[in-house]
N, C-alpha and C. Protein backbone atom coordinates (compact mmCIF):
# COMPACT_ATOMS: atom_id res chain seq x y z
N UNK A 1 9.09 42.75 153.98
CA UNK A 1 8.41 43.40 152.90
C UNK A 1 9.39 43.93 151.85
N UNK A 2 10.52 44.41 152.28
CA UNK A 2 11.48 44.95 151.31
C UNK A 2 12.01 43.85 150.37
N UNK A 3 12.24 42.67 150.91
CA UNK A 3 12.82 41.59 150.11
C UNK A 3 11.95 41.29 148.92
N UNK A 4 10.67 41.27 149.11
CA UNK A 4 9.73 40.91 148.00
C UNK A 4 9.06 42.12 147.38
N UNK A 5 9.53 43.29 147.72
CA UNK A 5 9.04 44.57 147.13
C UNK A 5 7.53 44.71 147.26
N UNK A 6 6.99 44.40 148.41
CA UNK A 6 5.59 44.58 148.64
C UNK A 6 5.26 46.05 148.84
N UNK A 7 4.00 46.40 148.57
CA UNK A 7 3.58 47.77 148.62
C UNK A 7 2.70 48.08 149.85
N UNK A 8 2.25 47.10 150.52
CA UNK A 8 1.33 47.31 151.65
C UNK A 8 0.30 46.23 151.75
N UNK A 9 -0.80 46.54 152.38
CA UNK A 9 -1.83 45.54 152.55
C UNK A 9 -3.12 46.07 151.98
N UNK A 10 -4.03 45.25 151.52
CA UNK A 10 -3.84 43.82 151.36
C UNK A 10 -2.99 43.49 150.13
N UNK A 11 -2.13 42.52 150.29
CA UNK A 11 -1.31 42.07 149.18
C UNK A 11 -1.15 40.57 149.25
N UNK A 12 -1.23 39.91 148.12
CA UNK A 12 -1.11 38.44 148.06
C UNK A 12 0.13 38.10 147.22
N UNK A 13 0.95 37.23 147.74
CA UNK A 13 2.09 36.77 146.96
C UNK A 13 2.21 35.27 147.13
N UNK A 14 2.53 34.59 146.05
CA UNK A 14 2.82 33.16 146.08
C UNK A 14 4.25 33.03 145.67
N UNK A 15 5.03 32.44 146.60
CA UNK A 15 6.47 32.33 146.45
C UNK A 15 6.85 30.88 146.31
N UNK A 16 7.62 30.51 145.32
CA UNK A 16 7.99 29.10 145.13
C UNK A 16 9.11 28.69 146.08
N UNK A 17 9.47 27.40 146.07
CA UNK A 17 10.44 26.89 147.00
C UNK A 17 11.84 27.47 146.79
N UNK A 18 12.07 28.10 145.62
CA UNK A 18 13.34 28.73 145.34
C UNK A 18 13.37 30.16 145.85
N UNK A 19 12.22 30.65 146.39
CA UNK A 19 12.14 31.99 146.92
C UNK A 19 11.75 33.03 145.85
N UNK A 20 11.34 32.55 144.66
CA UNK A 20 10.95 33.46 143.57
C UNK A 20 9.44 33.76 143.68
N UNK A 21 9.12 35.01 143.41
CA UNK A 21 7.69 35.39 143.37
C UNK A 21 7.10 34.84 142.11
N UNK A 22 6.08 34.02 142.24
CA UNK A 22 5.41 33.46 141.05
C UNK A 22 4.10 34.18 140.75
N UNK A 23 3.58 34.85 141.78
CA UNK A 23 2.34 35.65 141.62
C UNK A 23 2.31 36.72 142.67
N UNK A 24 1.88 37.90 142.28
CA UNK A 24 1.79 38.96 143.26
C UNK A 24 0.62 39.88 142.85
N UNK A 25 -0.25 40.18 143.82
CA UNK A 25 -1.36 41.04 143.53
C UNK A 25 -1.57 41.99 144.68
N UNK A 26 -1.74 43.25 144.38
CA UNK A 26 -2.06 44.27 145.38
C UNK A 26 -3.57 44.52 145.31
N UNK A 27 -4.29 44.41 146.42
CA UNK A 27 -5.72 44.62 146.41
C UNK A 27 -6.46 43.31 146.61
N UNK A 28 -7.72 43.34 146.23
CA UNK A 28 -8.55 42.12 146.45
C UNK A 28 -8.05 40.96 145.58
N UNK A 29 -8.36 39.78 146.05
CA UNK A 29 -7.86 38.57 145.38
C UNK A 29 -8.87 37.44 145.56
N UNK A 30 -9.14 36.72 144.52
CA UNK A 30 -10.04 35.57 144.56
C UNK A 30 -9.31 34.34 145.09
N UNK A 31 -9.68 33.82 146.26
CA UNK A 31 -8.96 32.66 146.81
C UNK A 31 -8.97 31.45 145.89
N UNK A 32 -10.03 31.24 145.13
CA UNK A 32 -10.07 30.08 144.22
C UNK A 32 -8.95 30.18 143.17
N UNK A 33 -8.67 31.38 142.71
CA UNK A 33 -7.58 31.57 141.75
C UNK A 33 -6.25 31.22 142.38
N UNK A 34 -6.08 31.54 143.62
CA UNK A 34 -4.85 31.20 144.36
C UNK A 34 -4.66 29.70 144.48
N UNK A 35 -5.72 29.03 144.81
CA UNK A 35 -5.68 27.57 144.91
C UNK A 35 -5.27 26.95 143.59
N UNK A 36 -5.89 27.47 142.51
CA UNK A 36 -5.57 26.95 141.16
C UNK A 36 -4.10 27.17 140.84
N UNK A 37 -3.58 28.34 141.13
CA UNK A 37 -2.17 28.64 140.84
C UNK A 37 -1.24 27.76 141.69
N UNK A 38 -1.58 27.56 142.94
CA UNK A 38 -0.74 26.71 143.82
C UNK A 38 -0.73 25.26 143.25
N UNK A 39 -1.87 24.80 142.83
CA UNK A 39 -1.95 23.46 142.24
C UNK A 39 -1.09 23.33 140.99
N UNK A 40 -1.07 24.39 140.16
CA UNK A 40 -0.23 24.42 138.97
C UNK A 40 1.26 24.36 139.34
N UNK A 41 1.64 25.13 140.37
CA UNK A 41 3.04 25.11 140.82
C UNK A 41 3.44 23.74 141.39
N UNK A 42 2.55 23.16 142.11
CA UNK A 42 2.84 21.81 142.65
C UNK A 42 2.98 20.77 141.52
N UNK A 43 2.17 20.90 140.50
CA UNK A 43 2.27 19.99 139.34
C UNK A 43 3.60 20.22 138.60
N UNK A 44 4.04 21.46 138.46
CA UNK A 44 5.34 21.72 137.85
C UNK A 44 6.47 21.08 138.63
N UNK A 45 6.34 21.14 139.94
CA UNK A 45 7.38 20.57 140.81
C UNK A 45 7.45 19.05 140.68
N UNK A 46 6.34 18.44 140.46
CA UNK A 46 6.28 16.97 140.30
C UNK A 46 6.77 16.52 138.92
N UNK A 47 6.57 17.41 137.91
CA UNK A 47 6.80 17.02 136.54
C UNK A 47 8.16 17.23 136.07
């Protein structure tokens, strides 16, 4: 938790393959938004 400076639970973080935090949210989170963001990151990786 210290490495990514998390504050507690519930917390959602999406971390890229370089280990960088690309998204971080404390509290409730819409899973569909997470899927959309992951798909964007995958597209960046391919492009």
